[in-house]
Amino acid sequence: MIDKSEIMEFSRKFGLRANVVEKDYVLGWVLAGIFNHTKIAADWVFKGGTCIKKCYYETYRFSEDLDFTLTDSSLLEEKFLVNSLKGVSEWIYDASGIELPKDLIRFEIYQNNRGGISAQGRIGYRGPLQPRGDLPRIKLDLTIDEIQVLEPVVRNVHHVYSDYPGDGIQIKCYCFEEVFAEKIRSLAERERPRDLYDVVLLYRYDKLRANKDIILSTLEKKCKFKNIPVPTMDTLQNRAEREELEAEWENMLAHQMASLPAFKQFWTEISQVMEWLHNDFKE
């Protein structure tokens, strides 16, 4: 495990609270532990904001939770999940020295608002900061009622810290086009600040030369599955959540980056994203 001094150094470098940096550090090792667990590695497909940060866009906002789609519904069982994460915790401790106390591993199976079954887990951790009192927690969201349109990929996990293992850290995750389409679908469905931020940043990220036609066709399938219309700028503008989206911009994002861009900048740019997606818009 790295020293507290390294966390503090990165805290100053990134302009973020030390506990945010520590969680980012621990998340990398949790992903490594999941990928090295033979009973879950192949069936847990990483997605969401933390996937963007750890697998695609290293300079992206810091994220806090781990989201997975499970390809085998039989794995969504409380005892199995707890026991699997206990195994993950042992691997992580042996590999890094980070402690995930087994008595703090919790999973709740519940009926989600789509009428399907999901699970939410919480794991505590004792990392380089060695906090007194209650340990910080990581939340895991697991779903089985999500449509995967494209084949998942195995990606290297960004881990800027000095204990990056020689053979790297990998995780099975959504491919870039599916991550992008899923984020647009999320923005259309709930219109939250992080979804707006994510979609615009993914649009800017041309390193992977994303295929727009694949993104759009994937989005269409995801929206059909959710029984919602494919979003346009008009549908985004006319949603009831539009005012709340702007009001919560700073509250929900400011702690995840050193300098939060203005909401107006991102709301202007989302219109370019929609035009690019539907009308071959070019700057």
Protein backbone atom coordinates (compact mmCIF):
# COMPACT_ATOMS: atom_id res chain seq x y z
CA MET A 1 0.00 0.00 0.00
CA ILE A 2 1.26 3.47 -0.79
CA ASP A 3 2.03 5.96 1.98
CA LYS A 4 -0.31 8.68 3.19
CA SER A 5 2.24 11.19 1.86
CA GLU A 6 1.56 10.03 -1.71
CA ILE A 7 -2.17 10.57 -1.26
CA MET A 8 -1.49 14.07 0.08
CA GLU A 9 0.83 14.80 -2.84
CA PHE A 10 -1.82 13.80 -5.37
CA SER A 11 -4.41 15.75 -3.38
CA ARG A 12 -2.37 18.91 -3.91
CA LYS A 13 -1.68 18.05 -7.54
CA PHE A 14 -5.32 17.37 -8.41
CA GLY A 15 -6.75 20.12 -6.19
CA LEU A 16 -9.08 17.62 -4.49
CA ARG A 17 -9.72 16.49 -0.93
CA ALA A 18 -7.42 13.73 0.25
CA ASN A 19 -10.32 11.35 0.93
CA VAL A 20 -11.48 11.70 -2.70
CA VAL A 21 -8.00 10.76 -3.94
CA GLU A 22 -7.77 7.86 -1.48
CA LYS A 23 -11.08 6.46 -2.72
CA ASP A 24 -9.87 6.69 -6.32
CA TYR A 25 -6.76 4.77 -5.28
CA VAL A 26 -8.76 2.05 -3.53
CA LEU A 27 -11.22 1.76 -6.43
CA GLY A 28 -8.37 0.71 -8.71
CA TRP A 29 -7.47 -2.17 -6.41
CA VAL A 30 -11.11 -3.20 -5.96
CA LEU A 31 -11.41 -3.49 -9.74
CA ALA A 32 -8.21 -5.55 -9.79
CA GLY A 33 -9.65 -7.85 -7.12
CA ILE A 34 -12.90 -8.34 -9.02
CA PHE A 35 -11.07 -9.16 -12.26
CA ASN A 36 -8.95 -11.73 -10.43
CA HIS A 37 -11.93 -13.50 -8.82
CA THR A 38 -12.70 -16.55 -10.93
CA LYS A 39 -16.40 -16.75 -10.03
CA ILE A 40 -17.40 -13.20 -10.97
CA ALA A 41 -14.78 -11.74 -13.34
CA ALA A 42 -16.39 -12.99 -16.55
CA ASP A 43 -19.96 -12.00 -15.61
CA TRP A 44 -19.50 -8.57 -14.03
CA VAL A 45 -19.38 -5.92 -16.78
CA PHE A 46 -18.17 -2.53 -15.56
CA LYS A 47 -20.06 0.58 -16.69
CA GLY A 48 -21.02 4.11 -15.61
CA GLY A 49 -19.07 7.20 -14.60
CA THR A 50 -16.29 5.42 -12.76
CA CYS A 51 -15.79 3.19 -15.81
CA ILE A 52 -15.25 6.31 -17.91
CA LYS A 53 -12.69 7.62 -15.44
CA LYS A 54 -10.81 4.38 -14.84
CA CYS A 55 -10.93 2.80 -18.30
CA TYR A 56 -11.23 5.59 -20.88
CA TYR A 57 -10.83 9.22 -19.86
CA GLU A 58 -8.10 9.56 -17.22
CA THR A 59 -8.51 13.33 -16.79
CA TYR A 60 -12.26 12.96 -16.33
CA ARG A 61 -14.11 13.82 -13.10
CA PHE A 62 -13.37 11.67 -10.07
CA SER A 63 -16.18 9.25 -9.39
CA GLU A 64 -17.18 7.34 -6.28
CA ASP A 65 -19.26 4.23 -7.00
CA LEU A 66 -18.86 1.05 -9.02
CA ASP A 67 -21.65 0.05 -11.43
CA PHE A 68 -21.87 -3.36 -13.09
CA THR A 69 -24.27 -5.25 -15.31
CA LEU A 70 -24.32 -8.96 -14.48
CA THR A 71 -24.67 -11.33 -17.42
CA ASP A 72 -25.70 -14.28 -15.23
CA SER A 73 -28.82 -13.58 -13.16
CA SER A 74 -28.08 -16.51 -10.83
CA LEU A 75 -25.16 -14.51 -9.42
CA LEU A 76 -27.51 -11.91 -7.96
CA GLU A 77 -27.87 -13.67 -4.62
CA GLU A 78 -26.93 -12.09 -1.30
CA LYS A 79 -24.88 -14.90 0.23
CA PHE A 80 -22.97 -15.51 -2.99
CA LEU A 81 -22.20 -11.80 -3.39
CA VAL A 82 -20.99 -11.40 0.20
CA ASN A 83 -18.79 -14.48 -0.03
CA SER A 84 -17.39 -13.37 -3.39
CA LEU A 85 -16.45 -9.95 -2.03
CA LYS A 86 -14.84 -11.59 0.98
CA GLY A 87 -12.65 -13.45 -1.48
CA VAL A 88 -11.95 -10.20 -3.31
CA SER A 89 -10.99 -8.54 -0.02
CA GLU A 90 -8.45 -11.30 0.71
CA TRP A 91 -6.89 -10.92 -2.73
CA ILE A 92 -6.68 -7.13 -2.37
CA TYR A 93 -5.03 -7.34 1.05
CA ASP A 94 -2.45 -9.83 -0.21
CA ALA A 95 -1.72 -7.77 -3.34
CA SER A 96 -1.77 -4.26 -1.90
CA GLY A 97 -2.17 -4.20 1.87
CA ILE A 98 -5.50 -2.38 1.63
CA GLU A 99 -7.96 -3.82 4.13
CA LEU A 100 -11.63 -4.38 3.29
CA PRO A 101 -12.99 -5.73 6.59
CA LYS A 102 -15.18 -8.73 5.90
CA ASP A 103 -17.69 -7.75 8.57
CA LEU A 104 -18.40 -4.51 6.67
CA ILE A 105 -19.33 -6.21 3.40
CA ARG A 106 -23.07 -5.81 2.84
CA PHE A 107 -25.41 -6.55 -0.07
CA GLU A 108 -29.13 -5.85 -0.35
CA ILE A 109 -31.25 -7.45 -3.07
CA TYR A 110 -34.22 -5.27 -3.97
CA GLN A 111 -36.88 -4.64 -6.60
CA ASN A 112 -35.89 -1.63 -8.67
CA ASN A 113 -38.23 0.97 -10.15
CA ARG A 114 -38.34 -1.01 -13.40
CA GLY A 115 -39.85 -3.98 -11.61
CA GLY A 116 -36.63 -6.00 -11.95
CA ILE A 117 -34.17 -7.20 -9.36
CA SER A 118 -30.98 -5.33 -8.54
CA ALA A 119 -28.43 -5.36 -5.73
CA GLN A 120 -26.63 -2.64 -3.87
CA GLY A 121 -23.48 -3.42 -1.95
CA ARG A 122 -21.33 -1.45 0.46
CA ILE A 123 -17.78 -2.25 1.45
CA GLY A 124 -15.65 -0.41 3.97
CA TYR A 125 -11.93 0.10 3.48
CA ARG A 126 -8.84 1.05 5.46
CA GLY A 127 -6.40 2.73 3.10
CA PRO A 128 -3.36 4.98 3.38
CA LEU A 129 -5.15 7.72 5.37
CA GLN A 130 -5.93 5.26 8.20
CA PRO A 131 -9.00 7.17 9.46
CA ARG A 132 -10.23 6.97 13.02
CA GLY A 133 -13.83 6.01 13.70
CA ASP A 134 -16.13 4.73 10.96
CA LEU A 135 -14.39 3.60 7.80
CA PRO A 136 -15.21 5.18 4.42
CA ARG A 137 -17.37 3.06 2.13
CA ILE A 138 -17.61 2.20 -1.54
CA LYS A 139 -21.03 1.54 -3.07
CA LEU A 140 -21.55 -1.15 -5.70
CA ASP A 141 -24.66 -1.15 -7.90
CA LEU A 142 -25.40 -4.42 -9.69
CA THR A 143 -28.16 -4.86 -12.29
CA ILE A 144 -29.35 -7.74 -14.44
CA ASP A 145 -32.23 -6.04 -16.30
CA GLU A 146 -30.11 -3.86 -18.58
CA ILE A 147 -29.73 -4.51 -22.28
CA GLN A 148 -26.17 -4.95 -23.53
CA VAL A 149 -26.10 -4.21 -27.23
CA LEU A 150 -22.39 -4.54 -28.00
CA GLU A 151 -19.74 -7.02 -26.93
CA PRO A 152 -17.88 -5.97 -23.76
CA VAL A 153 -14.12 -5.49 -23.83
CA VAL A 154 -11.27 -5.94 -21.38
CA ARG A 155 -9.57 -2.61 -20.70
CA ASN A 156 -6.56 -1.52 -18.69
CA VAL A 157 -7.49 0.44 -15.58
CA HIS A 158 -5.87 3.85 -15.06
CA HIS A 159 -3.95 3.79 -11.78
CA VAL A 160 -1.50 6.68 -11.43
CA TYR A 161 -0.17 5.56 -8.06
CA SER A 162 3.30 4.13 -7.43
CA ASP A 163 2.09 0.61 -6.60
CA TYR A 164 0.72 0.01 -10.10
CA PRO A 165 1.46 -3.69 -10.66
CA GLY A 166 3.88 -4.74 -13.38
CA ASP A 167 1.22 -6.67 -15.29
CA GLY A 168 -1.28 -3.83 -14.91
CA ILE A 169 -4.88 -3.80 -13.73
CA GLN A 170 -7.68 -4.93 -16.06
CA ILE A 171 -11.47 -5.13 -15.93
CA LYS A 172 -14.21 -6.31 -18.27
CA CYS A 173 -16.34 -3.32 -19.25
CA TYR A 174 -18.68 -1.74 -21.78
CA CYS A 175 -16.99 -0.74 -25.02
CA PHE A 176 -16.68 3.00 -25.65
CA GLU A 177 -19.71 3.24 -27.96
CA GLU A 178 -21.90 1.46 -25.43
CA VAL A 179 -20.66 3.65 -22.58
CA PHE A 180 -21.47 6.71 -24.68
CA ALA A 181 -24.93 5.47 -25.70
CA GLU A 182 -25.74 4.45 -22.12
CA LYS A 183 -24.83 7.91 -20.85
CA ILE A 184 -27.04 9.63 -23.44
CA ARG A 185 -29.87 7.29 -22.44
CA SER A 186 -29.31 8.16 -18.77
CA LEU A 187 -29.40 11.87 -19.57
CA ALA A 188 -32.66 11.41 -21.46
CA GLU A 189 -34.24 9.40 -18.66
CA ARG A 190 -33.24 11.33 -15.51
CA GLU A 191 -31.37 14.50 -16.63
CA ARG A 192 -28.84 14.70 -13.79
CA PRO A 193 -25.74 16.94 -13.73
CA ARG A 194 -23.27 14.06 -13.97
CA ASP A 195 -25.03 12.70 -17.07
CA LEU A 196 -24.82 16.05 -18.85
CA TYR A 197 -21.17 16.40 -17.89
CA ASP A 198 -20.38 12.87 -19.00
CA VAL A 199 -22.07 13.09 -22.39
CA VAL A 200 -20.31 16.33 -23.31
CA LEU A 201 -16.91 15.02 -22.20
CA LEU A 202 -17.38 11.79 -24.15
CA TYR A 203 -18.33 13.84 -27.21
CA ARG A 204 -15.09 15.79 -26.87
CA TYR A 205 -13.03 12.64 -26.44
CA ASP A 206 -12.10 11.79 -30.00
CA LYS A 207 -9.04 9.68 -29.18
CA LEU A 208 -10.92 6.45 -29.86
CA ARG A 209 -12.63 7.80 -33.01
CA ALA A 210 -16.03 6.61 -31.85
CA ASN A 211 -18.44 5.42 -34.52
CA LYS A 212 -21.45 7.73 -34.40
CA ASP A 213 -23.70 5.33 -36.30
CA ILE A 214 -22.97 2.56 -33.80
CA ILE A 215 -23.61 4.95 -30.91
CA LEU A 216 -26.96 6.01 -32.38
CA SER A 217 -28.14 2.49 -33.19
CA THR A 218 -27.10 1.34 -29.70
CA LEU A 219 -28.92 4.28 -28.16
CA GLU A 220 -32.07 3.46 -30.14
CA LYS A 221 -32.05 -0.10 -28.81
CA LYS A 222 -31.47 1.05 -25.24
CA CYS A 223 -34.27 3.62 -25.41
CA LYS A 224 -36.65 1.04 -26.90
CA PHE A 225 -35.80 -1.34 -24.07
CA LYS A 226 -36.56 1.42 -21.53
CA ASN A 227 -39.68 2.47 -23.44
CA ILE A 228 -38.52 6.08 -23.78
CA PRO A 229 -38.02 8.20 -26.92
CA VAL A 230 -34.57 8.72 -28.36
CA PRO A 231 -33.58 12.13 -26.98
CA THR A 232 -33.31 15.30 -29.01
CA MET A 233 -32.50 18.80 -27.85
CA ASP A 234 -36.20 19.60 -27.69
CA THR A 235 -36.97 16.66 -25.41
CA LEU A 236 -34.05 17.57 -23.12
CA GLN A 237 -35.08 21.21 -22.97
CA ASN A 238 -38.70 20.42 -22.17
CA ARG A 239 -38.15 17.95 -19.34
CA ALA A 240 -39.42 18.95 -15.91
CA GLU A 241 -35.95 18.31 -14.44
CA ARG A 242 -34.31 21.01 -16.58
CA GLU A 243 -34.30 23.70 -13.84
CA GLU A 244 -33.14 21.26 -11.16
CA LEU A 245 -30.33 20.14 -13.47
CA GLU A 246 -28.89 23.65 -13.44
CA ALA A 247 -29.58 24.26 -9.75
CA GLU A 248 -27.77 21.06 -8.69
CA TRP A 249 -24.82 21.43 -11.07
CA GLU A 250 -22.34 22.63 -8.45
CA ASN A 251 -23.71 20.58 -5.54
CA MET A 252 -23.32 17.29 -7.39
CA LEU A 253 -20.07 17.86 -9.27
CA ALA A 254 -17.83 20.42 -7.53
CA HIS A 255 -16.21 17.92 -5.16
CA GLN A 256 -15.20 15.64 -8.05
CA MET A 257 -12.87 18.05 -9.86
CA ALA A 258 -10.51 20.92 -9.11
CA SER A 259 -12.38 23.46 -11.25
CA LEU A 260 -15.99 22.96 -12.29
CA PRO A 261 -16.89 24.40 -15.71
CA ALA A 262 -19.97 26.60 -15.93
CA PHE A 263 -23.30 24.87 -16.49
CA LYS A 264 -24.14 27.21 -19.36
CA GLN A 265 -21.07 26.04 -21.28
CA PHE A 266 -22.17 22.42 -21.07
CA TRP A 267 -25.82 23.14 -21.82
CA THR A 268 -24.76 24.98 -24.97
CA GLU A 269 -22.51 22.13 -26.02
CA ILE A 270 -25.13 19.42 -25.50
CA SER A 271 -27.05 20.95 -28.41
CA GLN A 272 -23.99 20.30 -30.58
CA VAL A 273 -23.91 16.71 -29.37
CA MET A 274 -27.56 16.21 -30.32
CA GLU A 275 -27.04 17.80 -33.71
CA TRP A 276 -23.95 15.67 -34.34
CA LEU A 277 -25.83 12.56 -33.32
CA HIS A 278 -28.87 13.16 -35.51
CA ASN A 279 -27.70 15.46 -38.32
CA ASP A 280 -24.01 14.91 -39.01
CA PHE A 281 -23.11 18.25 -37.42
CA LYS A 282 -19.48 19.28 -37.91
CA GLU A 283 -17.71 22.14 -36.12
